[in-house]
Amino acid sequence: MQLQRSTVARSVAASRGALRIVCVARPTKAAATQKAKEIKLMSTAVPIATVAAAGGLSDALHAYLDPQAAYFSTLGLPEALVHWGHPGNMAVVLFAMGGYGAAYLGWQIRTSTDGDVVAKAKDMHPKLAAGMFFFFAAGALGGMMSLIMQGKPILESPHAITGLAGLGLLSVQSLLPVAFASGTGEARTAHAYLGSGILALFLVHMALGLNLGFSI
């Protein structure tokens, strides 16, 4: 019996020895930190346009706009209209609906002490702001169709990136009035300053669009 136990003990010891881990290679803390930094830098370096293209946005837009661009190309439209029609229309929307309707009337609501002025601004401000969003969205499609007609890419320029960012922020801006009923005033303040920031972004967008127009 003692011999049998001794044999079993040696077998268990041998099996334990076979499974014993001799050495574990672990990265140093500095190496792990450096790896994390590299991953973070790589993730933030991906252009927005590349992400959009990877998600199929570019293909979807081409599928929708290519037939229309092909049709309008058969109409013999003046080259100047194809090239500058989009920026001309968008400039009117930016300054008339954005500058006056969204910014000027919006700040009148916050700062004016004249009841009639505030009442008029409250009536016109949301209508013109909604119109600005609609015409900017429609104008974005028109601008991309213009680029397709000229044989240019649609989502690879800073102008396209700022346009997409502006439309996204306008979507957020349009939801803030839902929180106005809370009565704290914070939502109204955020709405006012975010709106001003969006218009500043669209001014940059306009400058980038003019630069794009002159470069093609």
Protein backbone atom coordinates (compact mmCIF):
# COMPACT_ATOMS: atom_id res chain seq x y z
CA MET A 1 0.00 0.00 0.00
CA GLN A 2 2.85 2.37 0.87
CA LEU A 3 4.55 1.57 -2.44
CA GLN A 4 1.34 2.30 -4.33
CA ARG A 5 0.89 5.68 -2.59
CA SER A 6 4.50 6.55 -3.30
CA THR A 7 4.02 5.74 -7.00
CA VAL A 8 0.86 7.88 -7.17
CA ALA A 9 2.60 10.75 -5.40
CA ARG A 10 5.50 10.63 -7.88
CA SER A 11 3.01 10.62 -10.79
CA VAL A 12 1.18 13.66 -9.41
CA ALA A 13 4.44 15.45 -8.79
CA ALA A 14 5.58 14.67 -12.31
CA SER A 15 2.32 15.93 -13.81
CA ARG A 16 2.52 19.11 -11.73
CA GLY A 17 6.06 19.63 -12.87
CA ALA A 18 5.01 19.23 -16.47
CA LEU A 19 2.38 21.97 -16.07
CA ARG A 20 4.54 24.36 -14.06
CA ILE A 21 5.01 27.74 -15.71
CA VAL A 22 8.67 28.59 -15.70
CA CYS A 23 8.52 32.15 -17.04
CA VAL A 24 5.84 34.72 -17.93
CA ALA A 25 6.70 37.53 -20.29
CA ARG A 26 4.84 40.69 -19.29
CA PRO A 27 5.19 44.07 -20.99
CA THR A 28 6.60 46.80 -18.82
CA LYS A 29 4.32 49.60 -17.66
CA ALA A 30 6.08 52.05 -19.97
CA ALA A 31 5.62 49.78 -22.98
CA ALA A 32 1.93 49.30 -22.23
CA THR A 33 1.43 53.06 -21.87
CA GLN A 34 3.24 53.71 -25.15
CA LYS A 35 1.09 51.08 -26.91
CA ALA A 36 -2.09 52.70 -25.58
CA LYS A 37 -0.91 56.10 -26.81
CA GLU A 38 -0.16 54.69 -30.26
CA ILE A 39 -3.64 53.15 -30.49
CA LYS A 40 -5.24 56.43 -29.42
CA LEU A 41 -3.24 58.43 -31.95
CA MET A 42 -4.09 55.99 -34.71
CA SER A 43 -7.80 56.19 -33.87
CA THR A 44 -7.87 60.00 -33.92
CA ALA A 45 -5.88 60.30 -37.11
CA VAL A 46 -8.52 58.68 -39.29
CA PRO A 47 -10.13 61.40 -41.47
CA ILE A 48 -13.87 61.86 -41.19
CA ALA A 49 -14.24 61.40 -44.92
CA THR A 50 -12.51 58.02 -44.73
CA VAL A 51 -14.89 56.88 -41.99
CA ALA A 52 -17.85 58.06 -44.03
CA ALA A 53 -16.58 56.27 -47.12
CA ALA A 54 -15.99 53.09 -45.12
CA GLY A 55 -19.57 53.22 -43.93
CA GLY A 56 -20.84 53.28 -47.48
CA LEU A 57 -21.98 56.92 -47.41
CA SER A 58 -20.01 57.83 -50.51
CA ASP A 59 -21.36 54.85 -52.46
CA ALA A 60 -24.92 55.60 -51.36
CA LEU A 61 -24.63 59.24 -52.40
CA HIS A 62 -23.15 58.30 -55.76
CA ALA A 63 -25.95 55.77 -56.34
CA TYR A 64 -28.50 58.51 -55.69
CA LEU A 65 -26.78 61.42 -57.43
CA ASP A 66 -25.04 59.87 -60.44
CA PRO A 67 -28.23 59.40 -62.52
CA GLN A 68 -29.32 62.97 -61.78
CA ALA A 69 -25.88 64.34 -62.58
CA ALA A 70 -25.89 62.41 -65.85
CA TYR A 71 -29.29 63.88 -66.76
CA PHE A 72 -28.32 67.48 -65.98
CA SER A 73 -25.10 67.01 -67.94
CA THR A 74 -27.19 66.43 -71.06
CA LEU A 75 -28.95 69.80 -70.71
CA GLY A 76 -25.99 71.86 -71.81
CA LEU A 77 -26.02 74.07 -68.70
CA PRO A 78 -23.50 76.94 -68.66
CA GLU A 79 -20.23 75.91 -67.08
CA ALA A 80 -20.35 78.90 -64.73
CA LEU A 81 -23.75 77.80 -63.42
CA VAL A 82 -22.54 74.26 -62.79
CA HIS A 83 -19.37 75.54 -61.13
CA TRP A 84 -20.69 78.49 -59.10
CA GLY A 85 -24.43 77.88 -58.78
CA HIS A 86 -24.11 76.00 -55.50
CA PRO A 87 -21.92 78.56 -53.68
CA GLY A 88 -24.10 81.44 -54.89
CA ASN A 89 -27.29 79.85 -53.58
CA MET A 90 -25.72 78.80 -50.30
CA ALA A 91 -24.34 82.29 -49.67
CA VAL A 92 -27.90 83.67 -49.86
CA VAL A 93 -29.15 81.01 -47.44
CA LEU A 94 -26.25 81.61 -45.04
CA PHE A 95 -26.61 85.37 -44.79
CA ALA A 96 -30.40 85.72 -45.17
CA MET A 97 -31.72 82.74 -43.22
CA GLY A 98 -28.67 82.12 -41.08
CA GLY A 99 -27.36 85.62 -40.40
CA TYR A 100 -30.71 87.39 -40.13
CA GLY A 101 -33.21 84.64 -39.32
CA ALA A 102 -31.16 82.46 -37.00
CA ALA A 103 -28.56 84.76 -35.45
CA TYR A 104 -30.04 88.27 -35.45
CA LEU A 105 -33.62 87.32 -34.59
CA GLY A 106 -32.44 84.69 -32.13
CA TRP A 107 -30.40 87.21 -30.16
CA GLN A 108 -33.26 89.72 -30.29
CA ILE A 109 -35.37 87.19 -28.41
CA ARG A 110 -32.71 87.06 -25.68
CA THR A 111 -31.74 90.72 -25.46
CA SER A 112 -34.58 92.97 -26.67
CA THR A 113 -36.88 94.66 -24.16
CA ASP A 114 -39.46 95.59 -26.80
CA GLY A 115 -42.38 93.18 -26.57
CA ASP A 116 -43.42 93.61 -30.20
CA VAL A 117 -39.88 92.99 -31.43
CA VAL A 118 -39.57 89.87 -29.29
CA ALA A 119 -42.97 88.58 -30.45
CA LYS A 120 -42.02 89.04 -34.12
CA ALA A 121 -38.63 87.42 -33.56
CA LYS A 122 -40.20 84.44 -31.79
CA ASP A 123 -42.53 83.96 -34.76
CA MET A 124 -39.91 84.29 -37.52
CA HIS A 125 -36.79 82.82 -35.88
CA PRO A 126 -37.84 79.13 -35.82
CA LYS A 127 -39.29 79.33 -39.33
CA LEU A 128 -36.16 80.83 -40.88
CA ALA A 129 -33.87 78.55 -38.88
CA ALA A 130 -35.80 75.51 -40.12
CA GLY A 131 -35.61 76.87 -43.66
CA MET A 132 -31.86 77.30 -43.31
CA PHE A 133 -31.47 73.67 -42.29
CA PHE A 134 -33.65 72.45 -45.17
CA PHE A 135 -31.88 74.50 -47.83
CA PHE A 136 -28.44 73.65 -46.47
CA ALA A 137 -29.29 69.94 -46.65
CA ALA A 138 -30.72 70.27 -50.16
CA GLY A 139 -27.80 72.49 -51.15
CA ALA A 140 -25.33 69.89 -49.92
CA LEU A 141 -26.80 67.38 -52.36
CA GLY A 142 -26.68 70.01 -55.11
CA GLY A 143 -23.05 70.78 -54.35
CA MET A 144 -22.09 67.12 -54.50
CA MET A 145 -23.96 66.70 -57.76
CA SER A 146 -22.03 69.69 -59.14
CA LEU A 147 -18.77 68.00 -58.18
CA ILE A 148 -19.86 64.75 -59.83
CA MET A 149 -20.71 66.65 -63.03
CA GLN A 150 -17.19 68.10 -62.96
CA GLY A 151 -15.60 64.70 -62.33
CA LYS A 152 -14.45 65.51 -58.79
CA PRO A 153 -14.69 63.47 -55.54
CA ILE A 154 -17.51 64.47 -53.19
CA LEU A 155 -16.33 63.65 -49.64
CA GLU A 156 -12.60 64.24 -49.67
CA SER A 157 -12.29 68.00 -49.16
CA PRO A 158 -12.27 70.09 -45.97
CA HIS A 159 -15.31 71.87 -47.42
CA ALA A 160 -17.26 68.59 -47.45
CA ILE A 161 -16.14 67.69 -43.92
CA THR A 162 -17.17 71.06 -42.44
CA GLY A 163 -20.48 70.83 -44.29
CA LEU A 164 -21.28 67.41 -42.81
CA ALA A 165 -20.21 68.63 -39.37
CA GLY A 166 -22.39 71.73 -39.70
CA LEU A 167 -25.46 69.70 -40.67
CA GLY A 168 -24.87 67.35 -37.75
CA LEU A 169 -24.64 70.26 -35.31
CA LEU A 170 -27.76 71.83 -36.78
CA SER A 171 -29.58 68.58 -36.03
CA VAL A 172 -28.49 68.83 -32.40
CA GLN A 173 -29.42 72.51 -32.34
CA SER A 174 -32.93 71.76 -33.56
CA LEU A 175 -33.51 69.41 -30.60
CA LEU A 176 -32.52 71.86 -27.86
CA PRO A 177 -35.85 73.78 -27.87
CA VAL A 178 -37.47 70.59 -26.57
CA ALA A 179 -35.66 71.30 -23.27
CA PHE A 180 -36.83 74.92 -23.08
CA ALA A 181 -39.86 73.87 -21.03
CA SER A 182 -37.58 73.01 -18.10
CA GLY A 183 -37.41 76.74 -17.39
CA THR A 184 -33.83 76.72 -16.12
CA GLY A 185 -32.53 78.82 -19.01
CA GLU A 186 -29.51 76.59 -19.55
CA ALA A 187 -31.00 75.01 -22.68
CA ARG A 188 -31.75 78.46 -24.14
CA THR A 189 -28.21 79.63 -23.41
CA ALA A 190 -26.75 76.50 -24.99
CA HIS A 191 -29.04 76.99 -28.00
CA ALA A 192 -27.90 80.59 -28.45
CA TYR A 193 -24.18 79.98 -28.18
CA LEU A 194 -24.20 76.73 -30.13
CA GLY A 195 -26.12 78.49 -32.91
CA SER A 196 -23.53 81.26 -33.02
CA GLY A 197 -20.77 78.68 -33.15
CA ILE A 198 -22.50 76.83 -36.00
CA LEU A 199 -22.75 80.03 -38.04
CA ALA A 200 -19.04 80.66 -37.44
CA LEU A 201 -18.37 77.12 -38.68
CA PHE A 202 -20.41 77.80 -41.82
CA LEU A 203 -18.39 80.95 -42.47
CA VAL A 204 -15.28 78.76 -42.42
CA HIS A 205 -17.17 76.30 -44.62
CA MET A 206 -17.88 79.11 -47.10
CA ALA A 207 -14.21 80.14 -47.22
CA LEU A 208 -13.18 76.53 -47.83
CA GLY A 209 -15.83 76.26 -50.55
CA LEU A 210 -14.49 79.33 -52.34
CA ASN A 211 -11.01 77.88 -52.14
CA LEU A 212 -12.30 74.61 -53.58
CA GLY A 213 -14.15 76.44 -56.34
CA PHE A 214 -11.06 78.33 -57.42
CA SER A 215 -8.92 75.20 -57.30
CA ILE A 216 -10.97 73.11 -59.78
